[in-house]
Amino acid sequence: MRQIIIAVTVAALAGCGVETASTAATAAAVKKQEIEQGKKTMEQMQQDIGKAMEQTQRSAERADAAAK
């Protein structure tokens, strides 16, 4: 009888460990997805800034050419 109680206790504790590991894995996956989305956003912003700088440069060149 004592062995059965010990076995049930061990099984219950092992189940808690599995749930904790599963929760940690899910949290890690969500965090990874957030990081990837952040990288995509940063790349898009860098492209947008590059385009804006090019447009500004072209406008400055046109203004300079018109002034001459």
N, C-alpha and C. Protein backbone atom coordinates (compact mmCIF):
# COMPACT_ATOMS: atom_id res chain seq x y z
N MET A 1 0.83 -1.19 0.00
CA MET A 1 0.00 0.00 0.00
C MET A 1 0.87 1.25 0.00
N ARG A 2 1.92 1.22 0.78
CA ARG A 2 2.81 2.37 0.88
C ARG A 2 3.46 2.64 -0.48
N GLN A 3 3.82 1.58 -1.19
CA GLN A 3 4.46 1.74 -2.49
C GLN A 3 3.51 2.38 -3.50
N ILE A 4 2.23 2.03 -3.39
CA ILE A 4 1.24 2.61 -4.30
C ILE A 4 1.11 4.12 -4.05
N ILE A 5 1.09 4.51 -2.78
CA ILE A 5 0.99 5.93 -2.42
C ILE A 5 2.21 6.69 -2.95
N ILE A 6 3.38 6.09 -2.77
CA ILE A 6 4.61 6.72 -3.26
C ILE A 6 4.57 6.83 -4.78
N ALA A 7 4.12 5.78 -5.46
CA ALA A 7 4.06 5.80 -6.92
C ALA A 7 3.09 6.87 -7.42
N VAL A 8 1.93 6.99 -6.77
CA VAL A 8 0.95 8.00 -7.16
C VAL A 8 1.50 9.40 -6.91
N THR A 9 2.18 9.59 -5.81
CA THR A 9 2.78 10.89 -5.49
C THR A 9 3.84 11.27 -6.52
N VAL A 10 4.69 10.32 -6.85
CA VAL A 10 5.74 10.56 -7.84
C VAL A 10 5.12 10.89 -9.20
N ALA A 11 4.10 10.16 -9.58
CA ALA A 11 3.44 10.41 -10.87
C ALA A 11 2.80 11.80 -10.89
N ALA A 12 2.18 12.19 -9.79
CA ALA A 12 1.55 13.51 -9.72
C ALA A 12 2.59 14.62 -9.82
N LEU A 13 3.69 14.45 -9.13
CA LEU A 13 4.75 15.46 -9.18
C LEU A 13 5.38 15.52 -10.57
N ALA A 14 5.54 14.40 -11.21
CA ALA A 14 6.10 14.36 -12.56
C ALA A 14 5.17 15.08 -13.53
N GLY A 15 3.87 14.93 -13.34
CA GLY A 15 2.89 15.62 -14.18
C GLY A 15 3.00 17.12 -14.05
N CYS A 16 3.25 17.60 -12.85
CA CYS A 16 3.42 19.04 -12.64
C CYS A 16 4.66 19.53 -13.38
N GLY A 17 5.69 18.74 -13.37
CA GLY A 17 6.91 19.12 -14.08
C GLY A 17 6.70 19.21 -15.57
N VAL A 18 5.91 18.30 -16.11
CA VAL A 18 5.62 18.32 -17.54
C VAL A 18 4.83 19.57 -17.90
N GLU A 19 3.86 19.92 -17.07
CA GLU A 19 3.05 21.11 -17.33
C GLU A 19 3.93 22.36 -17.27
N THR A 20 4.82 22.42 -16.30
CA THR A 20 5.72 23.57 -16.18
C THR A 20 6.63 23.66 -17.39
N ALA A 21 7.16 22.55 -17.83
CA ALA A 21 8.04 22.54 -19.01
C ALA A 21 7.27 22.96 -20.26
N SER A 22 6.05 22.50 -20.37
CA SER A 22 5.21 22.86 -21.52
C SER A 22 4.92 24.36 -21.52
N THR A 23 4.62 24.90 -20.36
CA THR A 23 4.36 26.34 -20.24
C THR A 23 5.60 27.14 -20.60
N ALA A 24 6.75 26.70 -20.14
CA ALA A 24 8.01 27.39 -20.45
C ALA A 24 8.30 27.34 -21.94
N ALA A 25 8.05 26.20 -22.57
CA ALA A 25 8.28 26.07 -24.00
C ALA A 25 7.35 26.99 -24.79
N THR A 26 6.11 27.08 -24.36
CA THR A 26 5.15 27.96 -25.03
C THR A 26 5.59 29.42 -24.88
N ALA A 27 6.00 29.80 -23.69
CA ALA A 27 6.46 31.18 -23.47
C ALA A 27 7.68 31.48 -24.32
N ALA A 28 8.58 30.53 -24.44
CA ALA A 28 9.78 30.73 -25.26
C ALA A 28 9.40 30.88 -26.73
N ALA A 29 8.44 30.11 -27.20
CA ALA A 29 8.00 30.21 -28.60
C ALA A 29 7.36 31.56 -28.87
N VAL A 30 6.57 32.05 -27.92
CA VAL A 30 5.94 33.36 -28.08
C VAL A 30 7.00 34.45 -28.10
N LYS A 31 7.98 34.35 -27.23
CA LYS A 31 9.05 35.35 -27.18
C LYS A 31 9.85 35.34 -28.47
N LYS A 32 10.12 34.15 -29.01
CA LYS A 32 10.86 34.05 -30.27
C LYS A 32 10.08 34.72 -31.38
N GLN A 33 8.77 34.50 -31.42
CA GLN A 33 7.93 35.11 -32.44
C GLN A 33 7.95 36.64 -32.30
N GLU A 34 7.91 37.13 -31.08
CA GLU A 34 7.96 38.58 -30.85
C GLU A 34 9.28 39.16 -31.35
N ILE A 35 10.37 38.45 -31.10
CA ILE A 35 11.69 38.92 -31.55
C ILE A 35 11.74 38.95 -33.07
N GLU A 36 11.25 37.90 -33.72
CA GLU A 36 11.25 37.86 -35.18
C GLU A 36 10.40 38.98 -35.76
N GLN A 37 9.26 39.24 -35.16
CA GLN A 37 8.39 40.33 -35.64
C GLN A 37 9.09 41.67 -35.43
N GLY A 38 9.78 41.83 -34.33
CA GLY A 38 10.53 43.06 -34.07
C GLY A 38 11.63 43.27 -35.11
N LYS A 39 12.30 42.20 -35.48
CA LYS A 39 13.34 42.31 -36.51
C LYS A 39 12.74 42.73 -37.85
N LYS A 40 11.60 42.14 -38.20
CA LYS A 40 10.94 42.50 -39.46
C LYS A 40 10.54 43.98 -39.44
N THR A 41 10.00 44.42 -38.32
CA THR A 41 9.59 45.82 -38.19
C THR A 41 10.80 46.73 -38.33
N MET A 42 11.90 46.37 -37.69
CA MET A 42 13.11 47.18 -37.76
C MET A 42 13.64 47.26 -39.20
N GLU A 43 13.64 46.13 -39.91
CA GLU A 43 14.09 46.12 -41.30
C GLU A 43 13.20 47.01 -42.17
N GLN A 44 11.90 46.93 -41.95
CA GLN A 44 10.97 47.76 -42.73
C GLN A 44 11.20 49.23 -42.45
N MET A 45 11.41 49.57 -41.18
CA MET A 45 11.67 50.97 -40.83
C MET A 45 12.96 51.45 -41.46
N GLN A 46 13.99 50.61 -41.48
CA GLN A 46 15.26 51.00 -42.09
C GLN A 46 15.07 51.25 -43.59
N GLN A 47 14.28 50.41 -44.23
CA GLN A 47 14.00 50.62 -45.66
C GLN A 47 13.24 51.93 -45.89
N ASP A 48 12.25 52.18 -45.04
CA ASP A 48 11.47 53.42 -45.16
C ASP A 48 12.36 54.64 -44.94
N ILE A 49 13.24 54.58 -43.97
CA ILE A 49 14.16 55.69 -43.70
C ILE A 49 15.09 55.89 -44.89
N GLY A 50 15.58 54.80 -45.46
CA GLY A 50 16.45 54.89 -46.64
C GLY A 50 15.74 55.56 -47.81
N LYS A 51 14.49 55.18 -48.04
CA LYS A 51 13.71 55.78 -49.12
C LYS A 51 13.49 57.27 -48.85
N ALA A 52 13.19 57.62 -47.63
CA ALA A 52 12.97 59.02 -47.28
C ALA A 52 14.25 59.83 -47.49
N MET A 53 15.38 59.25 -47.13
CA MET A 53 16.66 59.95 -47.32
C MET A 53 16.94 60.15 -48.81
N GLU A 54 16.64 59.15 -49.61
CA GLU A 54 16.84 59.27 -51.06
C GLU A 54 15.95 60.37 -51.64
N GLN A 55 14.70 60.42 -51.21
CA GLN A 55 13.79 61.45 -51.70
C GLN A 55 14.26 62.85 -51.29
N THR A 56 14.74 62.95 -50.07
CA THR A 56 15.26 64.23 -49.59
C THR A 56 16.46 64.66 -50.40
N GLN A 57 17.34 63.72 -50.69
CA GLN A 57 18.53 64.01 -51.49
C GLN A 57 18.13 64.47 -52.90
N ARG A 58 17.17 63.78 -53.50
CA ARG A 58 16.72 64.17 -54.84
C ARG A 58 16.09 65.56 -54.83
N SER A 59 15.31 65.84 -53.80
CA SER A 59 14.68 67.17 -53.70
C SER A 59 15.74 68.24 -53.56
N ALA A 60 16.75 67.96 -52.77
CA ALA A 60 17.83 68.93 -52.58
C ALA A 60 18.58 69.15 -53.88
N GLU A 61 18.81 68.08 -54.63
CA GLU A 61 19.51 68.20 -55.91
C GLU A 61 18.69 69.00 -56.92
N ARG A 62 17.37 68.76 -56.93
CA ARG A 62 16.51 69.52 -57.85
C ARG A 62 16.47 70.99 -57.47
N ALA A 63 16.40 71.25 -56.16
CA ALA A 63 16.38 72.65 -55.70
C ALA A 63 17.69 73.34 -56.05
N ASP A 64 18.79 72.61 -55.91
CA ASP A 64 20.11 73.16 -56.24
C ASP A 64 20.21 73.43 -57.73
N ALA A 65 19.70 72.50 -58.54
CA ALA A 65 19.75 72.67 -60.00
C ALA A 65 18.86 73.83 -60.44
N ALA A 66 17.73 73.99 -59.80
CA ALA A 66 16.81 75.07 -60.15
C ALA A 66 17.39 76.42 -59.75
N ALA A 67 18.20 76.45 -58.72
CA ALA A 67 18.78 77.71 -58.24
C ALA A 67 19.90 78.19 -59.16
N LYS A 68 20.44 77.33 -59.93
CA LYS A 68 21.58 77.71 -60.80
C LYS A 68 21.15 78.33 -62.07
